[in-house]
Amino acid sequence: SSSNLCIKCKLNDVVSGYGGIDDGRFCADCFRSNLFGKFRLAVTSNAMISPTDKVLVAFSGGPSSRLTTNP
């Protein structure tokens, strides 16, 4: 049904992500794109990282550090 299609591309089935407000509205590709866009906006609009900064990303692999999608 159309209620199971991504609201952005309207082509692919929706995925369940992290339980947030966007959960179950986007396909995997559009979900990643939306999440990255929100991250990029927050970083640039708050001047969190400058071009000369070194950045370390920590990923424990635990449930709080990852997003899962259903096949």
PDB file of N, CA and C in Angstrom:
ATOM      1  N   SER A   1       0.829  -1.196   0.000  1.00  0.00           N
ATOM      2  CA  SER A   1       0.000   0.000   0.000  1.00  0.00           C
ATOM      3  C   SER A   1       0.862   1.245   0.000  1.00  0.00           C
ATOM      4  N   SER A   2       0.288   2.380  -0.345  1.00  0.00           N
ATOM      5  CA  SER A   2       1.054   3.633  -0.401  1.00  0.00           C
ATOM      6  C   SER A   2       1.493   4.095   0.980  1.00  0.00           C
ATOM      7  N   SER A   3       0.852   3.619   2.052  1.00  0.00           N
ATOM      8  CA  SER A   3       1.258   4.024   3.402  1.00  0.00           C
ATOM      9  C   SER A   3       2.575   3.384   3.804  1.00  0.00           C
ATOM     10  N   ASN A   4       3.029   2.365   3.058  1.00  0.00           N
ATOM     11  CA  ASN A   4       4.304   1.722   3.341  1.00  0.00           C
ATOM     12  C   ASN A   4       5.422   2.227   2.442  1.00  0.00           C
ATOM     13  N   LEU A   5       5.160   3.281   1.666  1.00  0.00           N
ATOM     14  CA  LEU A   5       6.182   3.849   0.796  1.00  0.00           C
ATOM     15  C   LEU A   5       6.850   5.041   1.461  1.00  0.00           C
ATOM     16  N   CYS A   6       8.096   5.226   1.133  1.00  0.00           N
ATOM     17  CA  CYS A   6       8.888   6.344   1.636  1.00  0.00           C
ATOM     18  C   CYS A   6       8.195   7.661   1.284  1.00  0.00           C
ATOM     19  N   ILE A   7       8.133   8.592   2.242  1.00  0.00           N
ATOM     20  CA  ILE A   7       7.466   9.869   1.993  1.00  0.00           C
ATOM     21  C   ILE A   7       8.305  10.807   1.129  1.00  0.00           C
ATOM     22  N   LYS A   8       9.618  10.497   0.988  1.00  0.00           N
ATOM     23  CA  LYS A   8      10.478  11.365   0.186  1.00  0.00           C
ATOM     24  C   LYS A   8      10.539  10.910  -1.271  1.00  0.00           C
ATOM     25  N   CYS A   9      10.953   9.665  -1.507  1.00  0.00           N
ATOM     26  CA  CYS A   9      11.109   9.200  -2.890  1.00  0.00           C
ATOM     27  C   CYS A   9       9.851   8.517  -3.431  1.00  0.00           C
ATOM     28  N   LYS A  10       8.985   8.066  -2.539  1.00  0.00           N
ATOM     29  CA  LYS A  10       7.732   7.388  -2.902  1.00  0.00           C
ATOM     30  C   LYS A  10       7.955   6.173  -3.812  1.00  0.00           C
ATOM     31  N   LEU A  11       9.147   5.562  -3.701  1.00  0.00           N
ATOM     32  CA  LEU A  11       9.476   4.398  -4.516  1.00  0.00           C
ATOM     33  C   LEU A  11       9.716   3.141  -3.680  1.00  0.00           C
ATOM     34  N   ASN A  12      10.418   3.294  -2.574  1.00  0.00           N
ATOM     35  CA  ASN A  12      10.854   2.155  -1.774  1.00  0.00           C
ATOM     36  C   ASN A  12      10.021   2.005  -0.503  1.00  0.00           C
ATOM     37  N   ASP A  13      10.036   0.795   0.038  1.00  0.00           N
ATOM     38  CA  ASP A  13       9.345   0.537   1.298  1.00  0.00           C
ATOM     39  C   ASP A  13      10.058   1.238   2.444  1.00  0.00           C
ATOM     40  N   VAL A  14       9.300   1.654   3.436  1.00  0.00           N
ATOM     41  CA  VAL A  14       9.865   2.325   4.607  1.00  0.00           C
ATOM     42  C   VAL A  14      10.607   1.317   5.473  1.00  0.00           C
ATOM     43  N   VAL A  15      11.528   1.831   6.287  1.00  0.00           N
ATOM     44  CA  VAL A  15      12.267   1.006   7.234  1.00  0.00           C
ATOM     45  C   VAL A  15      12.037   1.542   8.627  1.00  0.00           C
ATOM     46  N   SER A  16      12.227   0.703   9.583  1.00  0.00           N
ATOM     47  CA  SER A  16      12.166   1.121  10.975  1.00  0.00           C
ATOM     48  C   SER A  16      13.579   1.451  11.402  1.00  0.00           C
ATOM     49  N   GLY A  17      13.777   2.609  11.985  1.00  0.00           N
ATOM     50  CA  GLY A  17      15.119   3.050  12.351  1.00  0.00           C
ATOM     51  C   GLY A  17      15.357   3.033  13.838  1.00  0.00           C
ATOM     52  N   TYR A  18      15.264   4.186  14.453  1.00  0.00           N
ATOM     53  CA  TYR A  18      15.663   4.349  15.839  1.00  0.00           C
ATOM     54  C   TYR A  18      14.494   4.698  16.760  1.00  0.00           C
ATOM     55  N   GLY A  19      13.286   4.764  16.237  1.00  0.00           N
ATOM     56  CA  GLY A  19      12.130   5.061  17.072  1.00  0.00           C
ATOM     57  C   GLY A  19      11.849   6.539  17.235  1.00  0.00           C
ATOM     58  N   GLY A  20      12.543   7.388  16.479  1.00  0.00           N
ATOM     59  CA  GLY A  20      12.336   8.831  16.564  1.00  0.00           C
ATOM     60  C   GLY A  20      11.152   9.287  15.723  1.00  0.00           C
ATOM     61  N   ILE A  21      11.025  10.577  15.556  1.00  0.00           N
ATOM     62  CA  ILE A  21       9.876  11.147  14.849  1.00  0.00           C
ATOM     63  C   ILE A  21       9.848  10.737  13.376  1.00  0.00           C
ATOM     64  N   ASP A  22      11.022  10.471  12.776  1.00  0.00           N
ATOM     65  CA  ASP A  22      11.085  10.085  11.370  1.00  0.00           C
ATOM     66  C   ASP A  22      10.995   8.577  11.168  1.00  0.00           C
ATOM     67  N   ASP A  23      10.883   7.819  12.239  1.00  0.00           N
ATOM     68  CA  ASP A  23      10.856   6.363  12.152  1.00  0.00           C
ATOM     69  C   ASP A  23       9.670   5.887  11.331  1.00  0.00           C
ATOM     70  N   GLY A  24       9.919   4.997  10.391  1.00  0.00           N
ATOM     71  CA  GLY A  24       8.857   4.417   9.588  1.00  0.00           C
ATOM     72  C   GLY A  24       8.315   5.325   8.505  1.00  0.00           C
ATOM     73  N   ARG A  25       9.034   6.386   8.149  1.00  0.00           N
ATOM     74  CA  ARG A  25       8.566   7.310   7.121  1.00  0.00           C
ATOM     75  C   ARG A  25       9.453   7.303   5.884  1.00  0.00           C
ATOM     76  N   PHE A  26      10.708   6.848   6.038  1.00  0.00           N
ATOM     77  CA  PHE A  26      11.672   6.893   4.953  1.00  0.00           C
ATOM     78  C   PHE A  26      12.195   5.505   4.613  1.00  0.00           C
ATOM     79  N   CYS A  27      12.632   5.345   3.347  1.00  0.00           N
ATOM     80  CA  CYS A  27      13.368   4.129   2.972  1.00  0.00           C
ATOM     81  C   CYS A  27      14.784   4.281   3.530  1.00  0.00           C
ATOM     82  N   ALA A  28      15.589   3.237   3.434  1.00  0.00           N
ATOM     83  CA  ALA A  28      16.937   3.271   4.009  1.00  0.00           C
ATOM     84  C   ALA A  28      17.789   4.396   3.419  1.00  0.00           C
ATOM     85  N   ASP A  29      17.768   4.560   2.102  1.00  0.00           N
ATOM     86  CA  ASP A  29      18.584   5.603   1.472  1.00  0.00           C
ATOM     87  C   ASP A  29      18.145   7.006   1.876  1.00  0.00           C
ATOM     88  N   CYS A  30      16.846   7.251   1.870  1.00  0.00           N
ATOM     89  CA  CYS A  30      16.334   8.571   2.240  1.00  0.00           C
ATOM     90  C   CYS A  30      16.519   8.838   3.734  1.00  0.00           C
ATOM     91  N   PHE A  31      16.436   7.793   4.552  1.00  0.00           N
ATOM     92  CA  PHE A  31      16.658   7.940   5.993  1.00  0.00           C
ATOM     93  C   PHE A  31      18.093   8.392   6.261  1.00  0.00           C
ATOM     94  N   ARG A  32      19.069   7.724   5.604  1.00  0.00           N
ATOM     95  CA  ARG A  32      20.473   8.107   5.766  1.00  0.00           C
ATOM     96  C   ARG A  32      20.703   9.538   5.295  1.00  0.00           C
ATOM     97  N   SER A  33      20.120   9.881   4.162  1.00  0.00           N
ATOM     98  CA  SER A  33      20.268  11.223   3.612  1.00  0.00           C
ATOM     99  C   SER A  33      19.677  12.270   4.555  1.00  0.00           C
ATOM    100  N   ASN A  34      18.513  11.996   5.113  1.00  0.00           N
ATOM    101  CA  ASN A  34      17.853  12.907   6.034  1.00  0.00           C
ATOM    102  C   ASN A  34      18.666  13.072   7.319  1.00  0.00           C
ATOM    103  N   LEU A  35      19.169  11.959   7.855  1.00  0.00           N
ATOM    104  CA  LEU A  35      19.955  11.997   9.085  1.00  0.00           C
ATOM    105  C   LEU A  35      21.257  12.771   8.869  1.00  0.00           C
ATOM    106  N   PHE A  36      21.940  12.506   7.751  1.00  0.00           N
ATOM    107  CA  PHE A  36      23.172  13.214   7.447  1.00  0.00           C
ATOM    108  C   PHE A  36      22.912  14.708   7.268  1.00  0.00           C
ATOM    109  N   GLY A  37      21.826  15.057   6.613  1.00  0.00           N
ATOM    110  CA  GLY A  37      21.481  16.465   6.417  1.00  0.00           C
ATOM    111  C   GLY A  37      21.255  17.191   7.733  1.00  0.00           C
ATOM    112  N   LYS A  38      20.579  16.536   8.668  1.00  0.00           N
ATOM    113  CA  LYS A  38      20.347  17.151   9.989  1.00  0.00           C
ATOM    114  C   LYS A  38      21.664  17.333  10.737  1.00  0.00           C
ATOM    115  N   PHE A  39      22.535  16.330  10.652  1.00  0.00           N
ATOM    116  CA  PHE A  39      23.842  16.414  11.299  1.00  0.00           C
ATOM    117  C   PHE A  39      24.665  17.551  10.714  1.00  0.00           C
ATOM    118  N   ARG A  40      24.734  17.609   9.375  1.00  0.00           N
ATOM    119  CA  ARG A  40      25.512  18.647   8.705  1.00  0.00           C
ATOM    120  C   ARG A  40      24.992  20.039   9.052  1.00  0.00           C
ATOM    121  N   LEU A  41      23.667  20.208   9.085  1.00  0.00           N
ATOM    122  CA  LEU A  41      23.086  21.509   9.439  1.00  0.00           C
ATOM    123  C   LEU A  41      23.455  21.916  10.866  1.00  0.00           C
ATOM    124  N   ALA A  42      23.371  20.970  11.800  1.00  0.00           N
ATOM    125  CA  ALA A  42      23.710  21.277  13.193  1.00  0.00           C
ATOM    126  C   ALA A  42      25.176  21.665  13.334  1.00  0.00           C
ATOM    127  N   VAL A  43      26.054  20.938  12.665  1.00  0.00           N
ATOM    128  CA  VAL A  43      27.489  21.214  12.758  1.00  0.00           C
ATOM    129  C   VAL A  43      27.838  22.553  12.129  1.00  0.00           C
ATOM    130  N   THR A  44      27.311  22.835  10.949  1.00  0.00           N
ATOM    131  CA  THR A  44      27.675  24.078  10.270  1.00  0.00           C
ATOM    132  C   THR A  44      27.008  25.304  10.893  1.00  0.00           C
ATOM    133  N   SER A  45      25.755  25.185  11.285  1.00  0.00           N
ATOM    134  CA  SER A  45      25.067  26.362  11.827  1.00  0.00           C
ATOM    135  C   SER A  45      25.556  26.737  13.218  1.00  0.00           C
ATOM    136  N   ASN A  46      26.157  25.800  13.931  1.00  0.00           N
ATOM    137  CA  ASN A  46      26.686  26.081  15.271  1.00  0.00           C
ATOM    138  C   ASN A  46      28.205  26.179  15.288  1.00  0.00           C
ATOM    139  N   ALA A  47      28.825  26.176  14.111  1.00  0.00           N
ATOM    140  CA  ALA A  47      30.286  26.274  13.987  1.00  0.00           C
ATOM    141  C   ALA A  47      30.994  25.308  14.931  1.00  0.00           C
ATOM    142  N   MET A  48      30.552  24.066  14.932  1.00  0.00           N
ATOM    143  CA  MET A  48      31.107  23.064  15.846  1.00  0.00           C
ATOM    144  C   MET A  48      32.478  22.552  15.415  1.00  0.00           C
ATOM    145  N   ILE A  49      32.729  22.509  14.107  1.00  0.00           N
ATOM    146  CA  ILE A  49      33.986  21.981  13.599  1.00  0.00           C
ATOM    147  C   ILE A  49      34.531  22.961  12.566  1.00  0.00           C
ATOM    148  N   SER A  50      35.795  23.303  12.708  1.00  0.00           N
ATOM    149  CA  SER A  50      36.432  24.158  11.708  1.00  0.00           C
ATOM    150  C   SER A  50      37.281  23.282  10.787  1.00  0.00           C
ATOM    151  N   PRO A  51      37.656  23.792   9.623  1.00  0.00           N
ATOM    152  CA  PRO A  51      38.422  22.991   8.665  1.00  0.00           C
ATOM    153  C   PRO A  51      39.749  22.460   9.202  1.00  0.00           C
ATOM    154  N   THR A  52      40.331  23.118  10.196  1.00  0.00           N
ATOM    155  CA  THR A  52      41.624  22.682  10.733  1.00  0.00           C
ATOM    156  C   THR A  52      41.493  21.737  11.922  1.00  0.00           C
ATOM    157  N   ASP A  53      40.283  21.509  12.405  1.00  0.00           N
ATOM    158  CA  ASP A  53      40.074  20.616  13.544  1.00  0.00           C
ATOM    159  C   ASP A  53      40.311  19.162  13.167  1.00  0.00           C
ATOM    160  N   LYS A  54      40.817  18.406  14.128  1.00  0.00           N
ATOM    161  CA  LYS A  54      40.905  16.957  13.983  1.00  0.00           C
ATOM    162  C   LYS A  54      39.692  16.373  14.693  1.00  0.00           C
ATOM    163  N   VAL A  55      39.058  15.389  14.071  1.00  0.00           N
ATOM    164  CA  VAL A  55      37.828  14.828  14.613  1.00  0.00           C
ATOM    165  C   VAL A  55      38.017  13.336  14.857  1.00  0.00           C
ATOM    166  N   LEU A  56      37.617  12.875  16.014  1.00  0.00           N
ATOM    167  CA  LEU A  56      37.634  11.456  16.354  1.00  0.00           C
ATOM    168  C   LEU A  56      36.199  11.005  16.527  1.00  0.00           C
ATOM    169  N   VAL A  57      35.835   9.947  15.843  1.00  0.00           N
ATOM    170  CA  VAL A  57      34.487   9.399  15.947  1.00  0.00           C
ATOM    171  C   VAL A  57      34.556   8.092  16.703  1.00  0.00           C
ATOM    172  N   ALA A  58      33.805   7.987  17.787  1.00  0.00           N
ATOM    173  CA  ALA A  58      33.778   6.765  18.589  1.00  0.00           C
ATOM    174  C   ALA A  58      32.507   5.983  18.283  1.00  0.00           C
ATOM    175  N   PHE A  59      32.672   4.704  18.113  1.00  0.00           N
ATOM    176  CA  PHE A  59      31.536   3.822  17.833  1.00  0.00           C
ATOM    177  C   PHE A  59      31.734   2.551  18.624  1.00  0.00           C
ATOM    178  N   SER A  60      30.921   2.354  19.651  1.00  0.00           N
ATOM    179  CA  SER A  60      31.081   1.180  20.506  1.00  0.00           C
ATOM    180  C   SER A  60      30.440  -0.062  19.911  1.00  0.00           C
ATOM    181  N   GLY A  61      29.449   0.134  19.057  1.00  0.00           N
ATOM    182  CA  GLY A  61      28.729  -1.003  18.502  1.00  0.00           C
ATOM    183  C   GLY A  61      27.550  -1.430  19.352  1.00  0.00           C
ATOM    184  N   GLY A  62      27.381  -0.786  20.489  1.00  0.00           N
ATOM    185  CA  GLY A  62      26.236  -1.107  21.348  1.00  0.00           C
ATOM    186  C   GLY A  62      24.950  -0.518  20.787  1.00  0.00           C
ATOM    187  N   PRO A  63      23.809  -0.882  21.358  1.00  0.00           N
ATOM    188  CA  PRO A  63      22.525  -0.431  20.830  1.00  0.00           C
ATOM    189  C   PRO A  63      22.340   1.088  20.820  1.00  0.00           C
ATOM    190  N   SER A  64      23.010   1.809  21.679  1.00  0.00           N
ATOM    191  CA  SER A  64      22.871   3.263  21.698  1.00  0.00           C
ATOM    192  C   SER A  64      23.741   3.954  20.670  1.00  0.00           C
ATOM    193  N   SER A  65      24.638   3.212  20.029  1.00  0.00           N
ATOM    194  CA  SER A  65      25.582   3.807  19.082  1.00  0.00           C
ATOM    195  C   SER A  65      25.282   3.475  17.637  1.00  0.00           C
ATOM    196  N   ARG A  66      24.171   2.853  17.373  1.00  0.00           N
ATOM    197  CA  ARG A  66      23.933   2.436  15.996  1.00  0.00           C
ATOM    198  C   ARG A  66      22.473   2.562  15.622  1.00  0.00           C
ATOM    199  N   LEU A  67      22.250   2.576  14.337  1.00  0.00           N
ATOM    200  CA  LEU A  67      20.905   2.536  13.768  1.00  0.00           C
ATOM    201  C   LEU A  67      20.742   1.193  13.088  1.00  0.00           C
ATOM    202  N   THR A  68      19.594   0.594  13.225  1.00  0.00           N
ATOM    203  CA  THR A  68      19.358  -0.683  12.555  1.00  0.00           C
ATOM    204  C   THR A  68      18.189  -0.524  11.613  1.00  0.00           C
ATOM    205  N   THR A  69      18.226  -1.268  10.541  1.00  0.00           N
ATOM    206  CA  THR A  69      17.117  -1.277   9.595  1.00  0.00           C
ATOM    207  C   THR A  69      16.659  -2.714   9.397  1.00  0.00           C
ATOM    208  N   ASN A  70      15.410  -2.867   9.143  1.00  0.00           N
ATOM    209  CA  ASN A  70      14.858  -4.184   8.868  1.00  0.00           C
ATOM    210  C   ASN A  70      14.944  -4.451   7.374  1.00  0.00           C
ATOM    211  N   PRO A  71      15.363  -5.671   7.004  1.00  0.00           N
ATOM    212  CA  PRO A  71      15.463  -5.953   5.564  1.00  0.00           C
ATOM    213  C   PRO A  71      14.123  -5.930   4.864  1.00  0.00           C
TER     214      PRO A  71
END
